[in-house]
Amino acid sequence: MIKLFKVKEKQREIAANANGVPPVKKQTAGELRLQKDISELNLPKTCSISFPNGKDDLMNFEVTIHPDEGYYLGGTFLFSFQVSPVYPHEPPKVKCKTKVYHPNIDLEGNVCLNILREDWKPVLNINTIIYGLFHLFTQPNHEDPLNHDAAAVLRDNPKMFEFNVRRAMAGGYVGQTYFTRCM
């Protein structure tokens, strides 16, 4: 039975090519869900989304966050999203492309956000993730760190943490690590 459907599909493809019309690429369930999520985005005014590979590649996009409060006020942080074809059954892969001094983002751009790991559920969406990322900048969490040094400074000396964040965002060294300007 399955082979019959494959034969019919192949015949349609050959007929379409004979007419000079390229075959239509079927969208995966993940692409359809992502299209719905993106059409329903309700981003904070401090966040924006872009498609560096064009609107035809919805599965790879970038989100820019400009925190308007907290330690990271005035900064600009870029995140890349890679969405799997089985989305929403597995979360998107999110990386911070801006090197940042942050307890929940390591120097390679990996992000520690529970909904991107163990707390992911298919009912969550892109909007939820973006709000979660935004929340990391307004309320950094020293209790679940990827950057243990930044977390220890935040926990033990918040004034020094603020100084280090400002120095990193302005472009400079924090300890042995250089950060490019992101203000």
Protein backbone atom coordinates (compact mmCIF):
# COMPACT_ATOMS: atom_id res chain seq x y z
CA MET A 1 0.00 0.00 0.00
CA ILE A 2 2.76 2.43 0.92
CA LYS A 3 4.59 1.72 -2.33
CA LEU A 4 1.44 2.62 -4.26
CA PHE A 5 1.43 6.08 -2.69
CA LYS A 6 5.12 6.52 -3.49
CA VAL A 7 4.49 5.58 -7.14
CA LYS A 8 1.59 8.03 -7.40
CA GLU A 9 3.69 10.77 -5.80
CA LYS A 10 6.55 10.09 -8.23
CA GLN A 11 4.13 10.21 -11.18
CA ARG A 12 2.82 13.61 -10.05
CA GLU A 13 6.37 14.90 -9.67
CA ILE A 14 7.31 13.73 -13.18
CA ALA A 15 4.14 15.29 -14.63
CA ALA A 16 4.85 18.60 -12.86
CA ASN A 17 8.43 18.65 -14.15
CA ALA A 18 7.23 17.89 -17.68
CA ASN A 19 5.10 21.05 -17.56
CA GLY A 20 8.15 23.09 -16.56
CA VAL A 21 6.78 23.70 -13.09
CA PRO A 22 9.09 22.75 -10.23
CA PRO A 23 7.57 20.34 -7.72
CA VAL A 24 5.98 21.96 -4.68
CA LYS A 25 7.87 21.21 -1.48
CA LYS A 26 5.57 19.92 1.23
CA GLN A 27 5.82 21.67 4.57
CA THR A 28 6.58 19.57 7.61
CA ALA A 29 4.33 19.73 10.66
CA GLY A 30 7.14 21.62 12.40
CA GLU A 31 7.24 24.26 9.64
CA LEU A 32 3.46 24.68 9.79
CA ARG A 33 3.50 25.07 13.57
CA LEU A 34 6.43 27.52 13.40
CA GLN A 35 4.63 29.55 10.75
CA LYS A 36 1.63 29.78 13.10
CA ASP A 37 3.86 30.72 16.07
CA ILE A 38 5.58 33.48 14.10
CA SER A 39 2.30 34.89 12.78
CA GLU A 40 1.00 35.09 16.37
CA LEU A 41 4.15 36.65 17.91
CA ASN A 42 3.46 39.32 20.49
CA LEU A 43 6.98 40.56 21.22
CA PRO A 44 7.91 43.12 23.84
CA LYS A 45 8.84 46.45 22.26
CA THR A 46 12.46 45.72 23.18
CA CYS A 47 12.66 42.58 21.01
CA SER A 48 12.74 42.04 17.26
CA ILE A 49 12.95 39.07 14.90
CA SER A 50 14.79 38.77 11.58
CA PHE A 51 15.35 36.10 8.95
CA PRO A 52 18.98 36.34 7.74
CA ASN A 53 18.42 33.59 5.12
CA GLY A 54 15.18 35.17 3.88
CA LYS A 55 11.55 34.43 4.72
CA ASP A 56 11.77 31.09 2.86
CA ASP A 57 13.90 29.69 5.69
CA LEU A 58 11.61 30.05 8.69
CA MET A 59 13.44 27.29 10.57
CA ASN A 60 16.48 29.54 11.13
CA PHE A 61 16.00 33.04 12.46
CA GLU A 62 17.47 35.59 14.85
CA VAL A 63 16.00 37.51 17.75
CA THR A 64 17.50 40.76 19.05
CA ILE A 65 16.85 41.78 22.65
CA HIS A 66 17.41 45.34 23.96
CA PRO A 67 16.76 45.18 27.73
CA ASP A 68 15.05 48.33 29.03
CA GLU A 69 15.75 47.67 32.71
CA GLY A 70 18.16 45.91 35.03
CA TYR A 71 21.88 45.25 34.79
CA TYR A 72 21.81 44.93 30.98
CA LEU A 73 19.93 48.17 30.27
CA GLY A 74 21.10 49.65 26.95
CA GLY A 75 22.68 46.44 25.64
CA THR A 76 21.90 44.67 22.38
CA PHE A 77 21.97 40.88 22.38
CA LEU A 78 21.52 38.66 19.33
CA PHE A 79 20.21 35.08 19.55
CA SER A 80 20.06 32.51 16.78
CA PHE A 81 17.23 29.98 16.67
CA GLN A 82 17.46 26.67 14.82
CA VAL A 83 14.14 24.88 14.74
CA SER A 84 13.94 21.13 14.15
CA PRO A 85 11.44 19.64 11.67
CA VAL A 86 9.88 17.80 14.64
CA TYR A 87 9.11 21.09 16.45
CA PRO A 88 7.18 21.46 18.79
CA HIS A 89 8.04 17.99 20.06
CA GLU A 90 11.57 19.19 20.74
CA PRO A 91 12.62 22.74 21.59
CA PRO A 92 14.53 25.00 19.20
CA LYS A 93 18.30 25.24 19.60
CA VAL A 94 19.02 28.76 20.85
CA LYS A 95 22.48 30.36 20.99
CA CYS A 96 23.51 33.83 22.07
CA LYS A 97 25.68 35.26 19.29
CA THR A 98 26.71 38.22 21.45
CA LYS A 99 29.47 37.41 23.93
CA VAL A 100 27.99 38.42 27.27
CA TYR A 101 28.96 38.38 30.96
CA HIS A 102 25.92 36.58 32.32
CA PRO A 103 25.39 33.77 34.85
CA ASN A 104 22.93 31.93 32.58
CA ILE A 105 24.81 32.29 29.27
CA ASP A 106 28.27 30.83 28.87
CA LEU A 107 31.08 32.34 26.81
CA GLU A 108 30.25 30.02 23.87
CA GLY A 109 26.68 31.35 23.74
CA ASN A 110 24.90 28.37 25.30
CA VAL A 111 21.78 29.45 27.17
CA CYS A 112 20.56 28.02 30.47
CA LEU A 113 16.79 28.40 30.28
CA ASN A 114 14.68 25.59 31.74
CA ILE A 115 12.07 25.69 28.97
CA LEU A 116 14.80 24.96 26.42
CA ARG A 117 15.70 21.78 28.30
CA GLU A 118 13.86 19.66 30.85
CA ASP A 119 10.74 21.86 31.14
CA TRP A 120 10.01 22.02 27.39
CA LYS A 121 6.48 21.02 26.44
CA PRO A 122 4.90 21.08 22.96
CA VAL A 123 2.30 23.60 24.17
CA LEU A 124 5.10 26.18 24.58
CA ASN A 125 5.95 28.37 21.60
CA ILE A 126 8.51 30.81 20.20
CA ASN A 127 6.86 33.73 22.00
CA THR A 128 7.34 31.94 25.34
CA ILE A 129 11.04 31.36 24.61
CA ILE A 130 11.63 35.01 23.66
CA TYR A 131 9.94 36.18 26.86
CA GLY A 132 12.10 33.69 28.79
CA LEU A 133 15.26 35.10 27.19
CA PHE A 134 14.12 38.65 27.92
CA HIS A 135 13.51 37.64 31.53
CA LEU A 136 17.11 36.35 31.82
CA PHE A 137 18.31 39.91 31.23
CA THR A 138 15.91 41.53 33.67
CA GLN A 139 16.34 38.85 36.37
CA PRO A 140 19.60 36.88 35.96
CA ASN A 141 19.57 33.70 38.03
CA HIS A 142 22.70 32.79 40.02
CA GLU A 143 21.14 29.54 41.27
CA ASP A 144 21.26 27.67 37.92
CA PRO A 145 24.39 29.00 36.21
CA LEU A 146 26.35 28.15 33.09
CA ASN A 147 28.92 30.85 33.86
CA HIS A 148 29.79 29.95 37.45
CA ASP A 149 32.17 32.91 37.92
CA ALA A 150 29.50 35.45 36.96
CA ALA A 151 26.96 33.66 39.16
CA ALA A 152 29.28 33.75 42.19
CA VAL A 153 29.90 37.49 41.74
CA LEU A 154 26.15 38.16 41.34
CA ARG A 155 25.40 36.16 44.48
CA ASP A 156 28.24 37.53 46.64
CA ASN A 157 28.75 41.08 45.36
CA PRO A 158 25.92 42.52 43.22
CA LYS A 159 27.69 45.92 42.90
CA MET A 160 30.79 44.24 41.48
CA PHE A 161 28.55 42.19 39.17
CA GLU A 162 26.95 45.39 37.88
CA PHE A 163 30.41 46.91 37.33
CA ASN A 164 31.55 43.80 35.42
CA VAL A 165 28.40 43.80 33.25
CA ARG A 166 28.92 47.49 32.39
CA ARG A 167 32.60 46.91 31.59
CA ALA A 168 31.78 43.92 29.37
CA MET A 169 28.96 45.75 27.54
CA ALA A 170 31.19 48.79 26.95
CA GLY A 171 33.83 46.54 25.41
CA GLY A 172 36.64 45.45 27.66
CA TYR A 173 38.09 42.76 29.86
CA VAL A 174 36.43 41.08 32.79
CA GLY A 175 39.17 38.96 34.31
CA GLN A 176 41.00 37.30 31.41
CA THR A 177 38.02 37.44 29.03
CA TYR A 178 37.55 40.18 26.43
CA PHE A 179 34.05 41.27 25.47
CA THR A 180 33.20 43.32 22.38
CA ARG A 181 31.02 46.38 22.79
CA CYS A 182 27.28 45.61 22.68
CA MET A 183 25.76 48.95 23.70
